[in-house]
Amino acid sequence: MDGSTLFADGQRLSGSHDSLAYGVPRSAPGAIYALAIGGGFAVGPREGRTVVFGRNKPEVHICIGEDDRRVSRQHGLLTCQDGRWWVSNTGRLPIRLPGSQWLFSSEESLPLAAGYTPLFVPGTRGREHLLELYVAGDDGTRPAPRPGDLTEPPRTWRLQADERLVLVALGQRYLLHESDPQPLGRQQVAEQLNELQPGTWTARKVEHTVTAVRSRLSKSGVGGLTREEVGEPVGNKLNDNLLRELLLSTTLVPPDLRLLEDGDENTDENTGGDGGEDAR
């Protein structure tokens, strides 16, 4: 493909271009910028327009992993469709998106939100090749700096005392910052809690307590907490998603681990701080 034809409708970005994490200049609403270590490309939105990235520099808009044969010659596409930009994988290896989400070549395209999105293509010997993306918002600008505004607090969830105790035990590996943590099993949780409150807990009671919290949060709009959402096999995914939401929202914090040293400390009817959502 002739290079002049490839870039005819857009603008090349040099390898010295600032990271897109800093934002982009005022642009046409919906314009997309894509940048790798060797340079990139920016183009406005148009139905059916496609931007190609991969290892084969003469045949793509953005060259990524040029010296890494684990990266496919054409590894992915950015396509403008229905007023949005979508990313699809045409390579052999999956593409990693924020939130530890993986996009495989056999899967449907994913929509890109306005603003900054980093993509990572895995390579040889643990290398990861970064492709930065930025989609201009409806007004064609990046969000304005707001250094003087009050910090917006996270949306915390109100928990009953017994719920907090169970969830701290269930998610103690997360609160301890272990690598690749997993929820404890319900029988393990029951046994540990019975050491604090003898004769009080069974595996069934633990499961009922956790399920009740998942149900409340799901009804309040938290995703990934039902079997229908995560699909089969479910495994630990429901509880993993629950615990990550509770940590991300600061509903559970590492100091809560003290409850596993003395369960009697948690005697309030409700805990979760002022302004917590009760999700009921």
Protein backbone atom coordinates (compact mmCIF):
# COMPACT_ATOMS: atom_id res chain seq x y z
CA MET A 1 0.00 0.00 0.00
CA ASP A 2 1.28 3.49 -0.90
CA GLY A 3 2.15 5.42 2.25
CA SER A 4 0.64 8.62 0.90
CA THR A 5 -2.67 6.80 0.35
CA LEU A 6 -2.57 5.16 3.79
CA PHE A 7 -2.29 8.50 5.59
CA ALA A 8 -4.24 10.64 3.10
CA ASP A 9 -7.20 11.38 5.40
CA GLY A 10 -5.37 11.79 8.70
CA GLN A 11 -2.34 13.18 10.46
CA ARG A 12 0.82 11.32 11.38
CA LEU A 13 2.13 11.69 14.93
CA SER A 14 5.88 11.60 15.51
CA GLY A 15 7.61 9.28 17.95
CA SER A 16 8.44 12.34 20.08
CA HIS A 17 4.75 13.20 20.53
CA ASP A 18 3.70 13.65 24.15
CA SER A 19 1.85 10.79 25.78
CA LEU A 20 -1.86 10.88 25.00
CA ALA A 21 -2.44 10.57 28.73
CA TYR A 22 -1.86 14.34 28.79
CA GLY A 23 -4.80 14.80 26.43
CA VAL A 24 -5.07 16.07 22.85
CA PRO A 25 -5.54 19.47 21.17
CA ARG A 26 -9.03 20.68 20.31
CA SER A 27 -10.24 18.28 17.62
CA ALA A 28 -13.35 17.28 15.74
CA PRO A 29 -15.77 15.59 18.16
CA GLY A 30 -15.11 11.86 17.99
CA ALA A 31 -11.64 12.16 16.43
CA ILE A 32 -9.28 9.36 17.43
CA TYR A 33 -5.58 9.59 18.23
CA ALA A 34 -3.41 6.46 18.40
CA LEU A 35 0.23 6.50 19.50
CA ALA A 36 2.95 3.85 19.90
CA ILE A 37 6.63 4.29 20.75
CA GLY A 38 7.58 4.93 17.11
CA GLY A 39 4.77 7.34 16.28
CA GLY A 40 1.08 7.32 15.59
CA PHE A 41 -1.90 8.60 13.70
CA ALA A 42 -4.89 10.88 14.24
CA VAL A 43 -8.04 11.01 12.15
CA GLY A 44 -11.58 12.33 12.38
CA PRO A 45 -14.67 10.15 12.65
CA ARG A 46 -16.40 8.85 9.54
CA GLU A 47 -18.71 5.85 9.27
CA GLY A 48 -16.74 2.79 8.19
CA ARG A 49 -13.32 4.40 8.58
CA THR A 50 -10.65 1.94 9.74
CA VAL A 51 -7.26 2.49 11.37
CA VAL A 52 -4.84 -0.47 11.35
CA PHE A 53 -2.09 -1.25 13.88
CA GLY A 54 0.50 -4.03 13.89
CA ARG A 55 4.13 -4.99 13.20
CA ASN A 56 4.26 -4.52 9.41
CA LYS A 57 5.17 -0.82 9.24
CA PRO A 58 4.52 -0.24 5.50
CA GLU A 59 1.00 -1.69 5.72
CA VAL A 60 -0.39 -0.17 8.93
CA HIS A 61 -1.24 3.27 10.27
CA ILE A 62 0.47 2.66 13.62
CA CYS A 63 3.47 0.36 13.89
CA ILE A 64 3.71 -1.47 17.19
CA GLY A 65 6.29 -4.10 18.18
CA GLU A 66 8.22 -3.73 14.92
CA ASP A 67 11.10 -5.92 16.18
CA ASP A 68 8.92 -8.50 17.97
CA ARG A 69 7.67 -11.45 15.93
CA ARG A 70 5.10 -12.33 18.59
CA VAL A 71 3.17 -9.25 17.43
CA SER A 72 1.15 -9.95 14.29
CA ARG A 73 1.77 -8.00 11.09
CA GLN A 74 -1.77 -6.65 11.38
CA HIS A 75 -2.68 -7.06 15.02
CA GLY A 76 -5.83 -4.99 15.34
CA LEU A 77 -8.29 -2.49 13.90
CA LEU A 78 -9.91 0.71 15.11
CA THR A 79 -13.20 1.12 13.27
CA CYS A 80 -15.71 3.98 13.30
CA GLN A 81 -19.20 2.55 13.37
CA ASP A 82 -22.54 3.91 14.59
CA GLY A 83 -20.89 7.10 15.77
CA ARG A 84 -18.31 5.34 17.95
CA TRP A 85 -14.83 3.90 17.64
CA TRP A 86 -14.43 0.16 18.19
CA VAL A 87 -11.30 -1.92 18.71
CA SER A 88 -11.01 -5.44 17.30
CA ASN A 89 -8.22 -8.02 17.42
CA THR A 90 -6.99 -9.52 14.15
CA GLY A 91 -3.74 -10.92 15.57
CA ARG A 92 -2.66 -14.21 17.10
CA LEU A 93 -2.21 -12.96 20.67
CA PRO A 94 -4.88 -11.25 22.81
CA ILE A 95 -4.86 -7.52 23.53
CA ARG A 96 -5.03 -6.38 27.15
CA LEU A 97 -7.30 -3.45 28.04
CA PRO A 98 -7.75 -1.58 31.33
CA GLY A 99 -9.29 -3.56 34.14
CA SER A 100 -7.38 -6.71 33.15
CA GLN A 101 -9.83 -7.26 30.29
CA TRP A 102 -8.53 -9.33 27.36
CA LEU A 103 -9.71 -9.07 23.76
CA PHE A 104 -9.15 -12.16 21.60
CA SER A 105 -9.30 -12.40 17.83
CA SER A 106 -12.40 -14.60 18.00
CA GLU A 107 -14.37 -12.03 20.01
CA GLU A 108 -16.62 -9.16 19.01
CA SER A 109 -15.18 -5.64 18.80
CA LEU A 110 -15.26 -3.49 21.95
CA PRO A 111 -16.39 0.16 22.02
CA LEU A 112 -13.96 2.85 23.14
CA ALA A 113 -15.10 5.48 25.61
CA ALA A 114 -14.26 9.15 25.12
CA GLY A 115 -10.91 10.02 26.63
CA TYR A 116 -7.75 8.00 27.21
CA THR A 117 -7.46 4.22 26.82
CA PRO A 118 -4.15 2.30 26.89
CA LEU A 119 -3.89 -1.06 25.07
CA PHE A 120 -1.13 -3.62 25.62
CA VAL A 121 0.02 -6.26 23.13
CA PRO A 122 2.10 -9.05 24.72
CA GLY A 123 5.43 -9.92 23.11
CA THR A 124 8.47 -12.10 23.65
CA ARG A 125 10.12 -12.65 27.04
CA GLY A 126 7.46 -10.77 28.97
CA ARG A 127 7.54 -7.63 26.84
CA GLU A 128 4.35 -5.59 26.50
CA HIS A 129 3.89 -3.10 23.68
CA LEU A 130 1.81 -0.04 24.53
CA LEU A 131 -0.69 1.52 22.15
CA GLU A 132 -2.22 4.70 23.55
CA LEU A 133 -5.65 5.77 22.30
CA TYR A 134 -7.58 8.97 22.86
CA VAL A 135 -11.07 9.69 21.56
CA ALA A 136 -12.05 13.38 21.58
CA GLY A 137 -15.25 14.12 23.49
CA ASP A 138 -18.47 15.65 22.21
CA ASP A 139 -17.04 19.17 22.33
CA GLY A 140 -13.72 18.13 20.79
CA THR A 141 -11.68 18.88 23.89
CA ARG A 142 -10.20 17.05 26.81
CA PRO A 143 -11.66 17.54 30.31
CA ALA A 144 -10.59 20.87 31.80
CA PRO A 145 -8.17 20.88 34.75
CA ARG A 146 -10.04 21.34 38.03
CA PRO A 147 -7.32 21.68 40.69
CA GLY A 148 -9.46 23.70 43.08
CA ASP A 149 -12.54 21.49 43.09
CA LEU A 150 -13.40 19.37 46.09
CA THR A 151 -12.38 15.74 45.72
CA GLU A 152 -15.35 13.56 44.85
CA PRO A 153 -15.55 10.76 47.43
CA PRO A 154 -16.01 7.15 46.31
CA ARG A 155 -19.44 5.58 46.54
CA THR A 156 -19.15 3.38 49.59
CA TRP A 157 -21.69 0.70 50.47
CA ARG A 158 -23.35 0.33 53.85
CA LEU A 159 -22.88 -3.10 55.40
CA GLN A 160 -24.44 -4.75 58.42
CA ALA A 161 -21.95 -5.77 61.12
CA ASP A 162 -22.16 -9.49 60.34
CA GLU A 163 -21.85 -8.79 56.60
CA ARG A 164 -18.68 -6.79 57.12
CA LEU A 165 -17.18 -9.52 59.27
CA VAL A 166 -17.94 -12.21 56.70
CA LEU A 167 -16.66 -10.14 53.78
CA VAL A 168 -13.43 -9.25 55.56
CA ALA A 169 -12.81 -12.95 56.18
CA LEU A 170 -13.80 -13.81 52.62
CA GLY A 171 -11.54 -11.13 51.14
CA GLN A 172 -8.64 -11.12 53.58
CA ARG A 173 -6.15 -12.07 50.84
CA TYR A 174 -7.19 -8.92 48.94
CA LEU A 175 -6.82 -6.76 52.04
CA LEU A 176 -3.36 -8.27 52.65
CA HIS A 177 -2.35 -7.22 49.09
CA GLU A 178 -1.41 -10.75 48.10
CA SER A 179 -0.43 -11.32 44.49
CA ASP A 180 -3.38 -12.62 42.42
CA PRO A 181 -5.69 -12.97 45.45
CA GLN A 182 -8.72 -15.26 45.51
CA PRO A 183 -11.70 -15.37 47.90
CA LEU A 184 -11.57 -17.88 50.71
CA GLY A 185 -13.98 -20.79 50.51
CA ARG A 186 -17.19 -20.53 52.51
CA GLN A 187 -16.17 -23.46 54.74
CA GLN A 188 -12.83 -21.78 55.49
CA VAL A 189 -14.64 -18.56 56.35
CA ALA A 190 -17.10 -20.36 58.64
CA GLU A 191 -14.30 -22.16 60.48
CA GLN A 192 -12.34 -18.95 61.00
CA LEU A 193 -15.37 -17.02 62.22
CA ASN A 194 -16.34 -19.79 64.61
CA GLU A 195 -13.00 -19.29 66.32
CA LEU A 196 -14.12 -15.72 67.03
CA GLN A 197 -17.80 -16.48 67.64
CA PRO A 198 -18.10 -20.17 68.56
CA GLY A 199 -21.14 -22.03 67.27
CA THR A 200 -22.40 -19.07 65.25
CA TRP A 201 -21.36 -19.74 61.65
CA THR A 202 -21.95 -22.42 59.06
CA ALA A 203 -20.88 -22.56 55.44
CA ARG A 204 -24.52 -22.10 54.43
CA LYS A 205 -24.90 -18.98 56.59
CA VAL A 206 -21.71 -17.53 55.09
CA GLU A 207 -22.98 -18.17 51.57
CA HIS A 208 -26.39 -16.64 52.37
CA THR A 209 -24.74 -13.51 53.80
CA VAL A 210 -22.46 -13.00 50.79
CA THR A 211 -25.28 -13.67 48.32
CA ALA A 212 -27.47 -11.06 50.02
CA VAL A 213 -24.77 -8.39 49.61
CA ARG A 214 -24.16 -9.34 45.98
CA SER A 215 -27.88 -9.10 45.28
CA ARG A 216 -28.20 -5.63 46.85
CA LEU A 217 -25.22 -4.22 44.98
CA SER A 218 -26.36 -5.77 41.71
CA LYS A 219 -29.79 -4.14 42.06
CA SER A 220 -27.98 -0.84 42.67
CA GLY A 221 -26.14 -1.05 39.37
CA VAL A 222 -22.87 -2.85 40.12
CA GLY A 223 -22.02 -5.17 37.23
CA GLY A 224 -20.57 -8.68 37.22
CA LEU A 225 -22.42 -9.95 40.28
CA THR A 226 -24.87 -12.37 38.64
CA ARG A 227 -24.40 -15.67 36.83
CA GLU A 228 -26.07 -14.27 33.75
CA GLU A 229 -23.44 -11.52 33.52
CA VAL A 230 -20.30 -13.60 33.99
CA GLY A 231 -21.40 -16.82 32.23
CA GLU A 232 -20.34 -20.37 32.93
CA PRO A 233 -18.18 -21.65 34.50
CA VAL A 234 -18.70 -19.17 37.30
CA GLY A 235 -15.97 -20.36 39.68
CA ASN A 236 -14.93 -17.57 42.06
CA LYS A 237 -15.78 -14.79 39.61
CA LEU A 238 -18.90 -13.51 41.40
CA ASN A 239 -17.14 -13.15 44.74
CA ASP A 240 -13.99 -11.82 43.09
CA ASN A 241 -16.02 -9.07 41.40
CA LEU A 242 -17.83 -8.33 44.66
CA LEU A 243 -14.61 -7.99 46.64
CA ARG A 244 -12.96 -5.80 44.01
CA GLU A 245 -15.95 -3.45 44.07
CA LEU A 246 -15.85 -3.27 47.86
CA LEU A 247 -12.12 -2.47 47.84
CA LEU A 248 -12.32 -0.02 44.94
CA SER A 249 -15.13 1.87 46.67
CA THR A 250 -13.17 1.79 49.98
CA THR A 251 -16.09 0.02 51.62
CA LEU A 252 -13.49 -2.48 52.83
CA VAL A 253 -10.02 -1.24 53.77
CA PRO A 254 -6.96 -3.06 55.19
CA PRO A 255 -7.54 -1.89 58.79
CA ASP A 256 -10.76 -3.94 58.71
CA LEU A 257 -8.55 -7.01 59.15
CA ARG A 258 -8.53 -6.24 62.86
CA LEU A 259 -12.06 -7.68 62.96
CA LEU A 260 -10.52 -11.11 62.46
CA GLU A 261 -8.52 -10.62 65.64
CA ASP A 262 -11.51 -9.65 67.76
CA GLY A 263 -14.96 -10.10 66.23
CA ASP A 264 -16.55 -8.33 69.21
CA GLU A 265 -15.13 -4.98 68.03
CA ASN A 266 -17.75 -4.86 65.27
CA THR A 267 -20.87 -4.24 67.31
CA ASP A 268 -22.59 -1.37 65.45
CA GLU A 269 -25.78 -2.20 63.58
CA ASN A 270 -24.47 -0.59 60.39
CA THR A 271 -20.91 0.25 59.38
CA GLY A 272 -19.51 1.87 56.32
CA GLY A 273 -18.95 5.52 57.17
CA ASP A 274 -21.05 8.62 56.74
CA GLY A 275 -22.68 8.90 53.35
CA GLY A 276 -22.43 5.18 52.56
CA GLU A 277 -25.01 3.72 50.21
CA ASP A 278 -27.22 1.19 51.91
CA ALA A 279 -28.05 -0.42 48.53
CA ARG A 280 -31.43 -1.61 49.78
